């Protein structure tokens, strides 16, 4: 087991281990942002579309004057 860790963390193999992880994370973040933007556009274009559960939570919580002042 120790030799496997040494091989994975050696400088010659670090790109093969870390780079795919970073690329996959970046792709996941971009897809999530695009999905959120798409749902906002669809909701804005079609008022009869049902809001997502996250939108329901935001609309049901009353905003205090303090939270409005911060924004």
N, C-alpha and C. Protein backbone atom coordinates (compact mmCIF):
# COMPACT_ATOMS: atom_id res chain seq x y z
N UNK A 1 0.82 -1.20 0.00
CA UNK A 1 0.00 0.00 0.00
C UNK A 1 0.86 1.26 0.00
N UNK A 2 1.92 1.25 0.76
CA UNK A 2 2.80 2.42 0.85
C UNK A 2 3.44 2.71 -0.50
N UNK A 3 3.81 1.67 -1.23
CA UNK A 3 4.44 1.90 -2.53
C UNK A 3 3.45 2.50 -3.53
N UNK A 4 2.15 2.14 -3.41
CA UNK A 4 1.14 2.72 -4.29
C UNK A 4 1.02 4.22 -4.05
N UNK A 5 1.04 4.63 -2.80
CA UNK A 5 0.95 6.06 -2.46
C UNK A 5 2.19 6.78 -2.96
N UNK A 6 3.35 6.17 -2.80
CA UNK A 6 4.59 6.79 -3.28
C UNK A 6 4.56 6.96 -4.79
N UNK A 7 4.02 5.99 -5.49
CA UNK A 7 3.95 6.08 -6.96
C UNK A 7 2.97 7.18 -7.37
N UNK A 8 1.81 7.24 -6.71
CA UNK A 8 0.81 8.24 -7.07
C UNK A 8 1.27 9.66 -6.77
N UNK A 9 2.02 9.84 -5.70
CA UNK A 9 2.44 11.18 -5.31
C UNK A 9 3.82 11.57 -5.82
N UNK A 10 4.43 10.75 -6.63
CA UNK A 10 5.73 11.11 -7.18
C UNK A 10 5.55 12.25 -8.18
N UNK A 11 6.51 13.13 -8.28
CA UNK A 11 6.38 14.28 -9.20
C UNK A 11 6.12 13.89 -10.65
N UNK A 12 6.62 12.75 -11.06
CA UNK A 12 6.42 12.35 -12.45
C UNK A 12 4.98 11.88 -12.71
N UNK A 13 4.25 11.51 -11.68
CA UNK A 13 2.88 11.02 -11.85
C UNK A 13 1.81 11.97 -11.32
N UNK A 14 2.22 13.09 -10.78
CA UNK A 14 1.24 13.98 -10.13
C UNK A 14 0.23 14.51 -11.14
N UNK A 15 0.63 14.78 -12.37
CA UNK A 15 -0.31 15.25 -13.38
C UNK A 15 -1.35 14.19 -13.71
N UNK A 16 -0.94 12.95 -13.74
CA UNK A 16 -1.86 11.86 -14.07
C UNK A 16 -2.89 11.66 -12.96
N UNK A 17 -2.58 12.09 -11.75
CA UNK A 17 -3.49 11.89 -10.62
C UNK A 17 -4.35 13.13 -10.37
N UNK A 18 -3.74 14.29 -10.28
CA UNK A 18 -4.43 15.51 -9.87
C UNK A 18 -5.17 16.19 -11.01
N UNK A 19 -4.59 16.23 -12.18
CA UNK A 19 -5.18 16.97 -13.29
C UNK A 19 -6.57 16.47 -13.67
N UNK A 20 -6.82 15.16 -13.81
CA UNK A 20 -8.19 14.73 -14.12
C UNK A 20 -9.20 15.10 -13.04
N UNK A 21 -8.75 15.08 -11.79
CA UNK A 21 -9.64 15.47 -10.69
C UNK A 21 -10.01 16.95 -10.80
N UNK A 22 -9.04 17.79 -11.08
CA UNK A 22 -9.31 19.22 -11.21
C UNK A 22 -10.20 19.51 -12.42
N UNK A 23 -9.96 18.84 -13.51
CA UNK A 23 -10.78 19.06 -14.71
C UNK A 23 -12.21 18.61 -14.47
N UNK A 24 -12.40 17.46 -13.83
CA UNK A 24 -13.75 16.98 -13.54
C UNK A 24 -14.48 17.93 -12.60
N UNK A 25 -13.78 18.48 -11.62
CA UNK A 25 -14.39 19.44 -10.70
C UNK A 25 -14.80 20.71 -11.44
N UNK A 26 -13.93 21.19 -12.32
CA UNK A 26 -14.23 22.39 -13.07
C UNK A 26 -15.46 22.18 -13.96
N UNK A 27 -15.52 21.03 -14.63
CA UNK A 27 -16.66 20.73 -15.51
C UNK A 27 -17.95 20.66 -14.69
N UNK A 28 -17.91 20.05 -13.51
CA UNK A 28 -19.10 19.96 -12.67
C UNK A 28 -19.59 21.34 -12.25
N UNK A 29 -18.67 22.22 -11.90
CA UNK A 29 -19.04 23.59 -11.50
C UNK A 29 -19.66 24.34 -12.66
N UNK A 30 -19.06 24.25 -13.83
CA UNK A 30 -19.58 24.95 -15.01
C UNK A 30 -20.97 24.43 -15.37
N UNK A 31 -21.16 23.11 -15.35
CA UNK A 31 -22.47 22.55 -15.68
C UNK A 31 -23.53 22.98 -14.67
N UNK A 32 -23.18 23.05 -13.40
CA UNK A 32 -24.13 23.50 -12.38
C UNK A 32 -24.52 24.95 -12.61
N UNK A 33 -23.55 25.80 -12.92
CA UNK A 33 -23.86 27.21 -13.19
C UNK A 33 -24.72 27.37 -14.43
N UNK A 34 -24.42 26.60 -15.48
CA UNK A 34 -25.24 26.66 -16.70
C UNK A 34 -26.66 26.17 -16.43
N UNK A 35 -26.80 25.14 -15.63
CA UNK A 35 -28.12 24.62 -15.29
C UNK A 35 -28.93 25.65 -14.51
N UNK A 36 -28.29 26.31 -13.56
CA UNK A 36 -28.98 27.34 -12.78
C UNK A 36 -29.39 28.50 -13.67
N UNK A 37 -28.51 28.92 -14.57
CA UNK A 37 -28.82 30.02 -15.47
C UNK A 37 -29.97 29.63 -16.42
N UNK A 38 -29.94 28.39 -16.90
CA UNK A 38 -30.99 27.91 -17.80
C UNK A 38 -32.35 27.90 -17.09
N UNK A 39 -32.38 27.45 -15.84
CA UNK A 39 -33.65 27.41 -15.12
C UNK A 39 -34.18 28.81 -14.87
N UNK A 40 -33.29 29.79 -14.64
CA UNK A 40 -33.73 31.18 -14.47
C UNK A 40 -34.30 31.73 -15.76
N UNK A 41 -33.68 31.41 -16.87
CA UNK A 41 -34.15 31.90 -18.17
C UNK A 41 -35.50 31.29 -18.51
N UNK A 42 -35.66 29.98 -18.28
CA UNK A 42 -36.91 29.31 -18.58
C UNK A 42 -38.03 29.85 -17.70
N UNK A 43 -37.76 30.06 -16.43
CA UNK A 43 -38.77 30.60 -15.52
C UNK A 43 -39.16 32.02 -15.91
N UNK A 44 -38.19 32.82 -16.33
CA UNK A 44 -38.48 34.19 -16.72
C UNK A 44 -39.25 34.24 -18.03
N UNK A 45 -38.97 33.30 -18.93
CA UNK A 45 -39.64 33.29 -20.23
C UNK A 45 -41.05 32.73 -20.14
N UNK A 46 -41.29 31.80 -19.22
CA UNK A 46 -42.58 31.14 -19.09
C UNK A 46 -43.10 31.33 -17.67
N UNK A 47 -43.90 32.36 -17.42
CA UNK A 47 -44.39 32.61 -16.06
C UNK A 47 -45.24 31.47 -15.50
N UNK A 48 -45.82 30.65 -16.36
CA UNK A 48 -46.65 29.56 -15.85
C UNK A 48 -45.81 28.36 -15.42
N UNK A 49 -44.50 28.39 -15.68
CA UNK A 49 -43.64 27.28 -15.26
C UNK A 49 -43.57 27.24 -13.75
N UNK A 50 -43.62 26.06 -13.22
CA UNK A 50 -43.58 25.93 -11.77
C UNK A 50 -42.17 26.22 -11.27
N UNK A 51 -42.05 26.94 -10.16
CA UNK A 51 -40.73 27.25 -9.63
C UNK A 51 -40.10 26.00 -9.02
N UNK A 52 -38.79 26.04 -8.92
CA UNK A 52 -38.08 24.92 -8.31
C UNK A 52 -38.27 24.96 -6.80
N UNK A 53 -38.04 23.86 -6.10
CA UNK A 53 -38.19 23.87 -4.64
C UNK A 53 -37.31 24.91 -3.97
N UNK A 54 -36.14 25.17 -4.50
CA UNK A 54 -35.26 26.19 -3.91
C UNK A 54 -35.92 27.56 -4.02
N UNK A 55 -36.62 27.84 -5.12
CA UNK A 55 -37.31 29.11 -5.27
C UNK A 55 -38.47 29.21 -4.28
N UNK A 56 -39.16 28.09 -4.01
CA UNK A 56 -40.25 28.09 -3.05
C UNK A 56 -39.76 28.46 -1.66
N UNK A 57 -38.61 27.94 -1.28
CA UNK A 57 -38.06 28.23 0.04
C UNK A 57 -37.75 29.71 0.19
N UNK A 58 -37.22 30.31 -0.86
CA UNK A 58 -36.86 31.72 -0.80
C UNK A 58 -38.11 32.59 -0.72
N UNK A 59 -39.16 32.21 -1.44
CA UNK A 59 -40.35 33.05 -1.47
C UNK A 59 -41.17 32.94 -0.19
N UNK A 60 -41.04 31.84 0.53
CA UNK A 60 -41.83 31.64 1.74
C UNK A 60 -41.19 32.27 2.97
N UNK A 61 -39.90 32.55 2.92
CA UNK A 61 -39.23 33.13 4.06
C UNK A 61 -39.33 34.64 4.00
N UNK A 62 -39.96 35.24 5.02
CA UNK A 62 -40.03 36.71 5.01
C UNK A 62 -38.65 37.30 5.26
N UNK A 63 -38.36 38.38 4.58
CA UNK A 63 -37.08 39.03 4.75
C UNK A 63 -37.22 40.13 5.80
N UNK A 64 -36.28 40.15 6.71
CA UNK A 64 -36.29 41.19 7.71
C UNK A 64 -35.74 42.47 7.11
N UNK A 65 -35.97 43.57 7.82
CA UNK A 65 -35.47 44.84 7.33
C UNK A 65 -33.94 44.87 7.36
N UNK A 66 -33.35 44.15 8.31
CA UNK A 66 -31.90 44.11 8.40
C UNK A 66 -31.29 43.42 7.19
N UNK A 67 -31.89 42.30 6.75
CA UNK A 67 -31.32 41.58 5.63
C UNK A 67 -31.49 42.38 4.34
N UNK A 68 -32.57 43.16 4.24
CA UNK A 68 -32.77 43.99 3.06
C UNK A 68 -31.77 45.14 3.03
N UNK A 69 -31.44 45.66 4.21
CA UNK A 69 -30.52 46.78 4.28
C UNK A 69 -29.10 46.36 3.90
N UNK A 70 -28.77 45.11 4.17
CA UNK A 70 -27.42 44.62 3.84
C UNK A 70 -27.26 44.53 2.34
N UNK A 71 -28.29 44.14 1.65
CA UNK A 71 -28.22 44.01 0.19
C UNK A 71 -28.22 45.34 -0.41
